[in-house]
């Protein structure tokens, strides 16, 4: 009964939702990935988060990849399948099969290691995304500072400079006007 309760807990974890989306649902995040303790259907996960340079930094894993990986053709549960290991344990416990129980416990250890590897993947992805967010925020601040420097002209200083340039221009025009327009031929005359 306890192991069957663990199976239901695993189904609930595989069907975790955030804001109405199944976080382990892959591309079909509107559909629960785990219909029950029998396992998880194959769902694609092609969405990728890219950094500002266009390089991929994260791609989510599906519930099947984490909890119920399959291998071979036709696909069969791999030794890393948490659903498969729990079902094997339930069957062995119901049959009072000591060898089967020990085998299932070994499979659970393998599946646990697999899930921990997937957890490490998410930890690394979180660190990468946090670093990318920090870098992007820094770029935004730098660009806003540059834009501010362009926009936020010191009006008093600009007016003073304009007045000085206008005065210089007026003086230049006056000097040019006072220059004699006579040529050498006018003087030779």
N, C-alpha and C. Protein backbone atom coordinates (compact mmCIF):
# COMPACT_ATOMS: atom_id res chain seq x y z
N UNK A 1 0.84 -1.19 0.00
CA UNK A 1 0.00 0.00 0.00
C UNK A 1 0.88 1.25 0.00
N UNK A 2 1.97 1.23 0.79
CA UNK A 2 2.85 2.39 0.83
C UNK A 2 3.53 2.64 -0.52
N UNK A 3 3.94 1.56 -1.17
CA UNK A 3 4.60 1.69 -2.47
C UNK A 3 3.61 2.20 -3.51
N UNK A 4 2.36 1.74 -3.43
CA UNK A 4 1.35 2.26 -4.35
C UNK A 4 1.08 3.74 -4.08
N UNK A 5 1.16 4.14 -2.83
CA UNK A 5 1.05 5.57 -2.50
C UNK A 5 2.21 6.35 -3.09
N UNK A 6 3.42 5.75 -3.07
CA UNK A 6 4.57 6.40 -3.70
C UNK A 6 4.37 6.54 -5.22
N UNK A 7 3.74 5.53 -5.81
CA UNK A 7 3.46 5.62 -7.24
C UNK A 7 2.53 6.80 -7.53
N UNK A 8 1.50 6.95 -6.71
CA UNK A 8 0.57 8.08 -6.90
C UNK A 8 1.29 9.42 -6.69
N UNK A 9 2.18 9.46 -5.71
CA UNK A 9 2.97 10.68 -5.48
C UNK A 9 3.84 10.98 -6.69
N UNK A 10 4.43 9.96 -7.28
CA UNK A 10 5.26 10.14 -8.47
C UNK A 10 4.42 10.66 -9.64
N UNK A 11 3.20 10.14 -9.79
CA UNK A 11 2.30 10.64 -10.84
C UNK A 11 2.01 12.12 -10.59
N UNK A 12 1.76 12.48 -9.33
CA UNK A 12 1.49 13.89 -9.00
C UNK A 12 2.70 14.77 -9.31
N UNK A 13 3.89 14.30 -8.99
CA UNK A 13 5.10 15.07 -9.27
C UNK A 13 5.28 15.23 -10.78
N UNK A 14 5.09 14.15 -11.52
CA UNK A 14 5.23 14.20 -12.98
C UNK A 14 4.20 15.14 -13.59
N UNK A 15 3.05 15.31 -12.92
CA UNK A 15 1.99 16.19 -13.42
C UNK A 15 1.98 17.56 -12.74
N UNK A 16 3.11 17.99 -12.21
CA UNK A 16 3.19 19.29 -11.55
C UNK A 16 2.84 20.40 -12.53
N UNK A 17 1.99 21.32 -12.06
CA UNK A 17 1.57 22.45 -12.88
C UNK A 17 2.03 23.77 -12.27
N UNK A 18 2.36 24.70 -13.13
CA UNK A 18 2.64 26.07 -12.74
C UNK A 18 1.88 26.95 -13.72
N UNK A 19 1.03 27.81 -13.18
CA UNK A 19 0.21 28.71 -13.98
C UNK A 19 -0.54 27.96 -15.07
N UNK A 20 -1.09 26.80 -14.73
CA UNK A 20 -1.92 26.04 -15.64
C UNK A 20 -1.17 25.23 -16.69
N UNK A 21 0.14 25.17 -16.58
CA UNK A 21 0.94 24.41 -17.55
C UNK A 21 1.69 23.30 -16.83
N UNK A 22 1.73 22.14 -17.45
CA UNK A 22 2.46 21.01 -16.88
C UNK A 22 3.94 21.22 -17.17
N UNK A 23 4.73 21.39 -16.11
CA UNK A 23 6.13 21.77 -16.31
C UNK A 23 6.97 20.65 -16.93
N UNK A 24 6.51 19.42 -16.84
CA UNK A 24 7.23 18.31 -17.46
C UNK A 24 6.47 17.79 -18.69
N UNK A 25 5.59 18.63 -19.27
CA UNK A 25 4.76 18.23 -20.40
C UNK A 25 5.40 18.45 -21.75
N UNK A 26 6.60 18.98 -21.79
CA UNK A 26 7.26 19.21 -23.07
C UNK A 26 6.49 20.22 -23.90
N UNK A 27 6.37 19.96 -25.19
CA UNK A 27 5.69 20.88 -26.09
C UNK A 27 4.17 20.86 -25.89
N UNK A 28 3.67 19.82 -25.26
CA UNK A 28 2.22 19.70 -25.03
C UNK A 28 1.94 19.93 -23.55
N UNK A 29 2.25 21.12 -23.07
CA UNK A 29 2.16 21.40 -21.64
C UNK A 29 0.74 21.67 -21.15
N UNK A 30 -0.25 21.49 -22.01
CA UNK A 30 -1.65 21.62 -21.58
C UNK A 30 -2.25 20.24 -21.25
N UNK A 31 -1.47 19.18 -21.48
CA UNK A 31 -1.93 17.81 -21.25
C UNK A 31 -1.07 17.18 -20.16
N UNK A 32 -1.72 16.52 -19.20
CA UNK A 32 -0.98 15.85 -18.12
C UNK A 32 -0.08 14.77 -18.72
N UNK A 33 1.21 14.80 -18.42
CA UNK A 33 2.12 13.81 -19.00
C UNK A 33 1.93 12.40 -18.46
N UNK A 34 1.53 12.28 -17.19
CA UNK A 34 1.36 10.96 -16.59
C UNK A 34 -0.13 10.70 -16.37
N UNK A 35 -0.65 9.75 -17.13
CA UNK A 35 -2.07 9.42 -17.00
C UNK A 35 -2.32 8.53 -15.79
N UNK A 36 -1.29 7.85 -15.31
CA UNK A 36 -1.43 6.96 -14.17
C UNK A 36 -0.12 6.28 -13.87
N UNK A 37 -0.17 5.27 -13.01
CA UNK A 37 1.05 4.59 -12.57
C UNK A 37 1.66 3.71 -13.65
N UNK A 38 0.95 3.52 -14.75
CA UNK A 38 1.47 2.66 -15.82
C UNK A 38 2.64 3.30 -16.54
N UNK A 39 2.82 4.58 -16.37
CA UNK A 39 3.95 5.25 -17.02
C UNK A 39 3.51 6.52 -17.71
N UNK A 40 4.40 7.00 -18.54
CA UNK A 40 4.23 8.29 -19.17
C UNK A 40 4.36 8.13 -20.68
N UNK A 41 3.51 8.83 -21.39
CA UNK A 41 3.58 8.80 -22.84
C UNK A 41 4.75 9.61 -23.35
N UNK A 42 5.19 9.29 -24.55
CA UNK A 42 6.30 10.01 -25.17
C UNK A 42 5.83 11.39 -25.60
N UNK A 43 6.47 12.41 -25.07
CA UNK A 43 6.15 13.79 -25.42
C UNK A 43 7.42 14.48 -25.90
N UNK A 44 7.33 15.20 -27.01
CA UNK A 44 8.52 15.93 -27.47
C UNK A 44 8.75 17.18 -26.63
N UNK A 45 9.99 17.60 -26.54
CA UNK A 45 10.34 18.85 -25.87
C UNK A 45 11.36 19.56 -26.75
N UNK A 46 10.85 20.48 -27.57
CA UNK A 46 11.73 21.16 -28.53
C UNK A 46 11.92 22.64 -28.20
N UNK A 47 11.22 23.15 -27.19
CA UNK A 47 11.38 24.56 -26.82
C UNK A 47 12.74 24.78 -26.19
N UNK A 48 13.40 25.83 -26.62
CA UNK A 48 14.75 26.13 -26.14
C UNK A 48 14.79 27.59 -25.73
N UNK A 49 15.48 27.87 -24.64
CA UNK A 49 15.73 29.25 -24.23
C UNK A 49 17.12 29.62 -24.73
N UNK A 50 17.18 30.71 -25.51
CA UNK A 50 18.45 31.19 -26.06
C UNK A 50 18.89 32.43 -25.30
N UNK A 51 20.19 32.64 -25.25
CA UNK A 51 20.72 33.88 -24.66
C UNK A 51 20.65 34.98 -25.71
N UNK A 52 20.97 36.23 -25.35
CA UNK A 52 20.89 37.32 -26.32
C UNK A 52 21.76 37.13 -27.56
N UNK A 53 22.78 36.31 -27.46
CA UNK A 53 23.64 36.03 -28.62
C UNK A 53 23.07 34.91 -29.49
N UNK A 54 21.92 34.35 -29.10
CA UNK A 54 21.27 33.30 -29.88
C UNK A 54 21.76 31.90 -29.58
N UNK A 55 22.55 31.74 -28.53
CA UNK A 55 23.05 30.42 -28.17
C UNK A 55 22.07 29.76 -27.20
N UNK A 56 21.76 28.48 -27.40
CA UNK A 56 20.83 27.81 -26.47
C UNK A 56 21.45 27.65 -25.08
N UNK A 57 20.66 27.97 -24.05
CA UNK A 57 21.15 27.82 -22.68
C UNK A 57 20.29 26.86 -21.87
N UNK A 58 19.09 26.51 -22.39
CA UNK A 58 18.23 25.62 -21.62
C UNK A 58 17.19 24.98 -22.52
N UNK A 59 16.96 23.70 -22.29
CA UNK A 59 15.85 22.99 -22.91
C UNK A 59 15.27 22.09 -21.84
N UNK A 60 13.98 22.25 -21.59
CA UNK A 60 13.32 21.49 -20.54
C UNK A 60 13.27 20.00 -20.85
N UNK A 61 13.24 19.21 -19.81
CA UNK A 61 13.09 17.76 -19.94
C UNK A 61 11.63 17.40 -19.74
N UNK A 62 11.21 16.33 -20.36
CA UNK A 62 9.84 15.86 -20.18
C UNK A 62 9.78 14.89 -19.00
N UNK A 63 8.57 14.64 -18.54
CA UNK A 63 8.39 13.68 -17.45
C UNK A 63 8.93 12.32 -17.84
N UNK A 64 8.75 11.94 -19.10
CA UNK A 64 9.26 10.65 -19.55
C UNK A 64 10.79 10.62 -19.46
N UNK A 65 11.45 11.67 -19.89
CA UNK A 65 12.91 11.70 -19.83
C UNK A 65 13.41 11.60 -18.40
N UNK A 66 12.67 12.18 -17.46
CA UNK A 66 13.12 12.19 -16.07
C UNK A 66 12.74 10.92 -15.33
N UNK A 67 11.46 10.54 -15.41
CA UNK A 67 10.95 9.47 -14.56
C UNK A 67 10.75 8.12 -15.24
N UNK A 68 10.61 8.11 -16.56
CA UNK A 68 10.26 6.87 -17.24
C UNK A 68 10.94 6.74 -18.59
N UNK A 69 12.29 6.88 -18.62
CA UNK A 69 12.95 6.80 -19.92
C UNK A 69 12.79 5.42 -20.53
N UNK A 70 12.62 5.41 -21.83
CA UNK A 70 12.46 4.15 -22.55
C UNK A 70 13.62 4.02 -23.53
N UNK A 71 13.93 2.78 -23.86
CA UNK A 71 15.01 2.54 -24.83
C UNK A 71 14.66 1.31 -25.64
N UNK A 72 15.34 1.19 -26.77
CA UNK A 72 15.15 0.03 -27.63
C UNK A 72 14.00 0.23 -28.60
N UNK A 73 13.79 -0.80 -29.44
CA UNK A 73 12.69 -0.79 -30.40
C UNK A 73 12.03 -2.14 -30.36
N UNK A 74 10.76 -2.25 -30.03
CA UNK A 74 9.92 -1.15 -29.56
C UNK A 74 10.40 -0.67 -28.20
N UNK A 75 10.11 0.60 -27.88
CA UNK A 75 10.60 1.16 -26.63
C UNK A 75 10.13 0.36 -25.41
N UNK A 76 11.07 0.08 -24.54
CA UNK A 76 10.77 -0.62 -23.29
C UNK A 76 11.38 0.20 -22.16
N UNK A 77 10.81 0.13 -20.95
CA UNK A 77 11.38 0.91 -19.85
C UNK A 77 12.86 0.60 -19.67
N UNK A 78 13.63 1.64 -19.48
CA UNK A 78 15.06 1.46 -19.28
C UNK A 78 15.31 1.16 -17.80
N UNK A 79 16.53 0.77 -17.44
CA UNK A 79 16.84 0.53 -16.02
C UNK A 79 16.68 1.80 -15.18
N UNK A 80 16.61 2.96 -15.82
CA UNK A 80 16.47 4.22 -15.10
C UNK A 80 15.01 4.60 -14.84
N UNK A 81 14.08 3.75 -15.21
CA UNK A 81 12.66 4.06 -15.09
C UNK A 81 12.18 3.95 -13.64
N UNK A 82 11.81 5.10 -13.08
CA UNK A 82 11.28 5.10 -11.72
C UNK A 82 9.92 4.42 -11.69
N UNK A 83 9.09 4.69 -12.70
CA UNK A 83 7.77 4.05 -12.76
C UNK A 83 7.92 2.53 -12.87
N UNK A 84 8.84 2.09 -13.74
CA UNK A 84 9.06 0.66 -13.92
C UNK A 84 9.57 0.00 -12.65
N UNK A 85 10.51 0.65 -11.96
CA UNK A 85 11.07 0.08 -10.73
C UNK A 85 10.01 -0.02 -9.64
N UNK A 86 9.18 1.00 -9.50
CA UNK A 86 8.11 0.95 -8.48
C UNK A 86 7.09 -0.12 -8.81
N UNK A 87 6.74 -0.25 -10.10
CA UNK A 87 5.76 -1.29 -10.48
C UNK A 87 6.34 -2.68 -10.23
N UNK A 88 7.63 -2.85 -10.52
CA UNK A 88 8.28 -4.14 -10.25
C UNK A 88 8.25 -4.44 -8.76
N UNK A 89 8.47 -3.43 -7.94
CA UNK A 89 8.44 -3.61 -6.49
C UNK A 89 7.04 -3.97 -6.02
N UNK A 90 6.01 -3.31 -6.54
CA UNK A 90 4.63 -3.63 -6.17
C UNK A 90 4.32 -5.07 -6.52
N UNK A 91 4.67 -5.48 -7.73
CA UNK A 91 4.40 -6.86 -8.18
C UNK A 91 5.14 -7.87 -7.31
N UNK A 92 6.41 -7.60 -6.99
CA UNK A 92 7.21 -8.51 -6.17
C UNK A 92 6.65 -8.58 -4.75
N UNK A 93 6.24 -7.44 -4.20
CA UNK A 93 5.67 -7.44 -2.84
C UNK A 93 4.36 -8.21 -2.80
N UNK A 94 3.52 -8.04 -3.80
CA UNK A 94 2.24 -8.75 -3.84
C UNK A 94 2.44 -10.26 -3.98
N UNK A 95 3.51 -10.66 -4.66
CA UNK A 95 3.80 -12.09 -4.85
C UNK A 95 4.69 -12.63 -3.74
N UNK A 96 5.09 -11.75 -2.81
CA UNK A 96 5.99 -12.15 -1.73
C UNK A 96 7.27 -12.78 -2.30
N UNK A 97 7.77 -12.17 -3.39
CA UNK A 97 8.94 -12.66 -4.11
C UNK A 97 10.18 -11.91 -3.61
N UNK A 98 10.96 -12.55 -2.72
CA UNK A 98 12.11 -11.91 -2.10
C UNK A 98 13.17 -11.52 -3.13
N UNK A 99 13.44 -12.38 -4.07
CA UNK A 99 14.43 -12.08 -5.11
C UNK A 99 13.94 -10.90 -5.95
N UNK A 100 12.65 -10.92 -6.30
CA UNK A 100 12.07 -9.81 -7.09
C UNK A 100 12.11 -8.50 -6.32
N UNK A 101 11.89 -8.57 -5.00
CA UNK A 101 11.94 -7.36 -4.16
C UNK A 101 13.36 -6.79 -4.17
N UNK A 102 14.35 -7.65 -4.00
CA UNK A 102 15.74 -7.20 -4.02
C UNK A 102 16.12 -6.61 -5.38
N UNK A 103 15.66 -7.25 -6.44
CA UNK A 103 15.92 -6.75 -7.79
C UNK A 103 15.26 -5.37 -7.97
N UNK A 104 14.02 -5.25 -7.49
CA UNK A 104 13.29 -3.98 -7.61
C UNK A 104 13.98 -2.88 -6.80
N UNK A 105 14.50 -3.23 -5.63
CA UNK A 105 15.19 -2.23 -4.81
C UNK A 105 16.48 -1.76 -5.49
N UNK A 106 17.18 -2.68 -6.15
CA UNK A 106 18.36 -2.31 -6.92
C UNK A 106 17.96 -1.38 -8.08
N UNK A 107 16.85 -1.72 -8.74
CA UNK A 107 16.35 -0.88 -9.83
C UNK A 107 15.97 0.50 -9.31
N UNK A 108 15.38 0.56 -8.12
CA UNK A 108 15.02 1.85 -7.53
C UNK A 108 16.28 2.69 -7.25
N UNK A 109 17.34 2.03 -6.81
CA UNK A 109 18.60 2.74 -6.60
C UNK A 109 19.14 3.33 -7.89
N UNK A 110 19.07 2.53 -8.97
CA UNK A 110 19.51 3.01 -10.29
C UNK A 110 18.64 4.17 -10.76
N UNK A 111 17.32 4.01 -10.58
CA UNK A 111 16.39 5.07 -10.99
C UNK A 111 16.61 6.33 -10.16
N UNK A 112 16.90 6.15 -8.89
CA UNK A 112 17.16 7.30 -8.01
C UNK A 112 18.40 8.06 -8.47
N UNK A 113 19.43 7.33 -8.85
CA UNK A 113 20.65 7.97 -9.37
C UNK A 113 20.32 8.75 -10.65
N UNK A 114 19.51 8.15 -11.50
CA UNK A 114 19.11 8.81 -12.75
C UNK A 114 18.35 10.11 -12.46
N UNK A 115 17.39 10.06 -11.56
CA UNK A 115 16.61 11.26 -11.21
C UNK A 115 17.53 12.33 -10.62
N UNK A 116 18.50 11.92 -9.81
CA UNK A 116 19.46 12.88 -9.25
C UNK A 116 20.30 13.54 -10.35
N UNK A 117 20.64 12.77 -11.40
CA UNK A 117 21.36 13.36 -12.53
C UNK A 117 20.50 14.41 -13.23
N UNK A 118 19.20 14.13 -13.35
CA UNK A 118 18.30 15.08 -13.98
C UNK A 118 18.14 16.33 -13.10
N UNK A 119 18.14 16.12 -11.80
CA UNK A 119 18.10 17.24 -10.86
C UNK A 119 19.35 18.11 -11.02
N UNK A 120 20.49 17.47 -11.19
CA UNK A 120 21.74 18.21 -11.41
C UNK A 120 21.67 18.99 -12.72
N UNK A 121 21.04 18.41 -13.74
CA UNK A 121 20.85 19.12 -15.01
C UNK A 121 20.06 20.40 -14.77
N UNK A 122 18.98 20.29 -14.00
CA UNK A 122 18.16 21.47 -13.72
C UNK A 122 18.92 22.48 -12.85
N UNK A 123 19.74 22.01 -11.93
CA UNK A 123 20.56 22.92 -11.13
C UNK A 123 21.55 23.68 -12.00
N UNK A 124 22.19 22.98 -12.91
CA UNK A 124 23.12 23.63 -13.84
C UNK A 124 22.39 24.60 -14.76
N UNK A 125 21.21 24.20 -15.22
CA UNK A 125 20.42 25.08 -16.08
C UNK A 125 20.00 26.33 -15.32
N UNK A 126 19.63 26.17 -14.07
CA UNK A 126 19.26 27.33 -13.26
C UNK A 126 20.44 28.29 -13.12
N UNK A 127 21.62 27.75 -12.85
CA UNK A 127 22.82 28.59 -12.72
C UNK A 127 23.12 29.32 -14.03
N UNK A 128 23.00 28.61 -15.15
CA UNK A 128 23.25 29.21 -16.46
C UNK A 128 22.25 30.32 -16.75
N UNK A 129 20.98 30.06 -16.50
CA UNK A 129 19.95 31.07 -16.76
C UNK A 129 20.14 32.27 -15.85
N UNK A 130 20.48 32.04 -14.59
CA UNK A 130 20.73 33.15 -13.66
C UNK A 130 21.91 33.99 -14.14
N UNK A 131 22.97 33.35 -14.59
CA UNK A 131 24.14 34.07 -15.10
C UNK A 131 23.76 34.87 -16.36
N UNK A 132 22.96 34.28 -17.23
CA UNK A 132 22.53 34.98 -18.45
C UNK A 132 21.64 36.17 -18.09
N UNK A 133 20.76 36.00 -17.10
CA UNK A 133 19.89 37.10 -16.67
C UNK A 133 20.74 38.25 -16.11
N UNK A 134 21.74 37.90 -15.32
CA UNK A 134 22.62 38.92 -14.74
C UNK A 134 23.38 39.66 -15.85
N UNK A 135 23.91 38.93 -16.81
CA UNK A 135 24.64 39.55 -17.91
C UNK A 135 23.72 40.44 -18.75
N UNK A 136 22.52 39.96 -19.00
CA UNK A 136 21.55 40.74 -19.78
C UNK A 136 21.14 41.99 -19.03
N UNK A 137 20.91 41.87 -17.73
CA UNK A 137 20.56 43.04 -16.91
C UNK A 137 21.69 44.06 -16.94
N UNK A 138 22.91 43.59 -16.88
CA UNK A 138 24.07 44.50 -16.94
C UNK A 138 24.11 45.21 -18.29
N UNK A 139 23.85 44.47 -19.38
CA UNK A 139 23.83 45.08 -20.70
C UNK A 139 22.73 46.14 -20.78
N UNK A 140 21.58 45.85 -20.22
CA UNK A 140 20.46 46.79 -20.24
C UNK A 140 20.83 48.06 -19.49
N UNK A 141 21.44 47.92 -18.32
CA UNK A 141 21.85 49.09 -17.53
C UNK A 141 22.87 49.92 -18.33
N UNK A 142 23.84 49.26 -18.95
CA UNK A 142 24.84 49.98 -19.75
C UNK A 142 24.20 50.74 -20.90
N UNK A 143 23.27 50.09 -21.59
CA UNK A 143 22.60 50.74 -22.72
C UNK A 143 21.73 51.90 -22.24
N UNK A 144 21.04 51.71 -21.11
CA UNK A 144 20.22 52.80 -20.58
C UNK A 144 21.10 53.98 -20.16
N UNK A 145 22.27 53.70 -19.62
CA UNK A 145 23.20 54.77 -19.25
C UNK A 145 23.66 55.52 -20.50
N UNK A 146 23.98 54.78 -21.55
CA UNK A 146 24.40 55.43 -22.79
C UNK A 146 23.27 56.27 -23.38
N UNK A 147 22.06 55.73 -23.39
CA UNK A 147 20.90 56.46 -23.90
C UNK A 147 20.66 57.70 -23.05
N UNK A 148 20.77 57.55 -21.74
CA UNK A 148 20.59 58.69 -20.84
C UNK A 148 21.61 59.78 -21.11
N UNK A 149 22.84 59.36 -21.38
CA UNK A 149 23.88 60.34 -21.70
C UNK A 149 23.58 61.10 -22.97
N UNK A 150 22.95 60.43 -23.91
CA UNK A 150 22.59 61.07 -25.18
C UNK A 150 21.39 61.99 -24.98
N UNK A 151 20.38 61.49 -24.28
CA UNK A 151 19.14 62.24 -24.08
C UNK A 151 19.29 63.39 -23.08
N UNK A 152 19.99 63.15 -22.02
CA UNK A 152 20.03 64.09 -20.90
C UNK A 152 21.12 65.15 -21.09
N UNK A 153 20.98 65.94 -22.14
CA UNK A 153 21.93 67.01 -22.40
C UNK A 153 21.73 68.10 -21.35
N UNK A 154 22.84 68.67 -20.89
CA UNK A 154 22.78 69.77 -19.94
C UNK A 154 22.30 71.00 -20.71
N UNK A 155 21.03 71.38 -20.51
CA UNK A 155 20.41 72.44 -21.28
C UNK A 155 21.11 73.77 -21.04
N UNK A 156 21.45 74.10 -19.80
CA UNK A 156 22.11 75.37 -19.49
C UNK A 156 23.46 75.46 -20.21
N UNK A 157 24.22 74.36 -20.15
CA UNK A 157 25.52 74.35 -20.81
C UNK A 157 25.36 74.46 -22.32
N UNK A 158 24.37 73.75 -22.88
CA UNK A 158 24.14 73.81 -24.32
C UNK A 158 23.72 75.21 -24.74
N UNK A 159 22.89 75.89 -23.93
CA UNK A 159 22.47 77.26 -24.25
C UNK A 159 23.66 78.21 -24.20
N UNK A 160 24.54 78.05 -23.21
CA UNK A 160 25.73 78.88 -23.11
C UNK A 160 26.63 78.68 -24.32
N UNK A 161 26.83 77.43 -24.70
CA UNK A 161 27.66 77.13 -25.86
C UNK A 161 27.04 77.70 -27.14
N UNK A 162 25.71 77.61 -27.27
CA UNK A 162 25.02 78.15 -28.44
C UNK A 162 25.19 79.67 -28.50
N UNK A 163 25.05 80.35 -27.36
CA UNK A 163 25.23 81.80 -27.31
C UNK A 163 26.64 82.18 -27.72
N UNK A 164 27.62 81.44 -27.20
CA UNK A 164 29.02 81.73 -27.54
C UNK A 164 29.27 81.51 -29.03
N UNK A 165 28.73 80.43 -29.58
CA UNK A 165 28.92 80.15 -31.01
C UNK A 165 28.22 81.20 -31.87
N UNK A 166 27.05 81.67 -31.43
CA UNK A 166 26.34 82.71 -32.16
C UNK A 166 27.13 84.02 -32.15
N UNK A 167 27.70 84.35 -30.99
CA UNK A 167 28.54 85.56 -30.87
C UNK A 167 29.75 85.44 -31.79
N UNK A 168 30.39 84.27 -31.79
CA UNK A 168 31.54 84.05 -32.65
C UNK A 168 31.17 84.18 -34.13
N UNK A 169 30.00 83.66 -34.47
CA UNK A 169 29.55 83.74 -35.86
C UNK A 169 29.28 85.20 -36.26
N UNK A 170 28.63 85.95 -35.38
CA UNK A 170 28.35 87.37 -35.65
C UNK A 170 29.65 88.14 -35.82
N UNK A 171 30.63 87.88 -34.98
CA UNK A 171 31.93 88.55 -35.08
C UNK A 171 32.62 88.19 -36.40
N UNK A 172 32.51 86.96 -36.80
CA UNK A 172 33.12 86.52 -38.06
C UNK A 172 32.46 87.21 -39.24
N UNK A 173 31.13 87.33 -39.20
CA UNK A 173 30.43 88.03 -40.27
C UNK A 173 30.82 89.50 -40.31
N UNK A 174 30.95 90.14 -39.15
CA UNK A 174 31.35 91.56 -39.08
C UNK A 174 32.75 91.74 -39.64
N UNK A 175 33.64 90.85 -39.27
CA UNK A 175 35.02 90.94 -39.77
C UNK A 175 35.04 90.78 -41.27
N UNK A 176 34.24 89.88 -41.78
CA UNK A 176 34.21 89.64 -43.22
C UNK A 176 33.62 90.87 -43.93
N UNK A 177 32.63 91.51 -43.32
CA UNK A 177 31.99 92.68 -43.94
C UNK A 177 32.95 93.87 -43.98
N UNK A 178 33.84 93.96 -43.00
CA UNK A 178 34.76 95.11 -42.96
C UNK A 178 35.95 94.95 -43.89
N UNK A 179 36.10 93.80 -44.46
CA UNK A 179 37.19 93.59 -45.40
C UNK A 179 36.85 94.35 -46.69
N UNK A 180 37.82 95.07 -47.15
CA UNK A 180 37.63 95.88 -48.35
C UNK A 180 37.36 94.99 -49.55
N UNK A 181 36.45 95.44 -50.41
CA UNK A 181 36.09 94.67 -51.58
C UNK A 181 36.88 95.13 -52.82
N UNK A 182 37.78 96.01 -52.62
CA UNK A 182 38.56 96.52 -53.75
C UNK A 182 39.63 95.52 -54.12
N UNK A 183 39.86 95.49 -55.39
CA UNK A 183 40.93 94.61 -55.85
C UNK A 183 42.17 95.43 -56.16
N UNK A 184 43.23 94.81 -56.54
CA UNK A 184 44.47 95.49 -56.88
C UNK A 184 44.27 96.45 -58.06
N UNK A 185 43.41 96.07 -58.97
CA UNK A 185 43.13 96.90 -60.13
C UNK A 185 42.43 98.19 -59.74
N UNK A 186 41.60 98.14 -58.66
CA UNK A 186 40.94 99.38 -58.20
C UNK A 186 41.98 100.37 -57.72
N UNK A 187 43.04 99.91 -57.11
CA UNK A 187 44.07 100.80 -56.60
C UNK A 187 45.00 101.29 -57.71
N UNK A 188 45.17 100.53 -58.76
CA UNK A 188 46.06 100.90 -59.84
C UNK A 188 45.40 101.86 -60.83
N UNK A 189 44.17 101.88 -60.82
CA UNK A 189 43.44 102.62 -61.57
C UNK A 189 43.00 103.47 -62.48
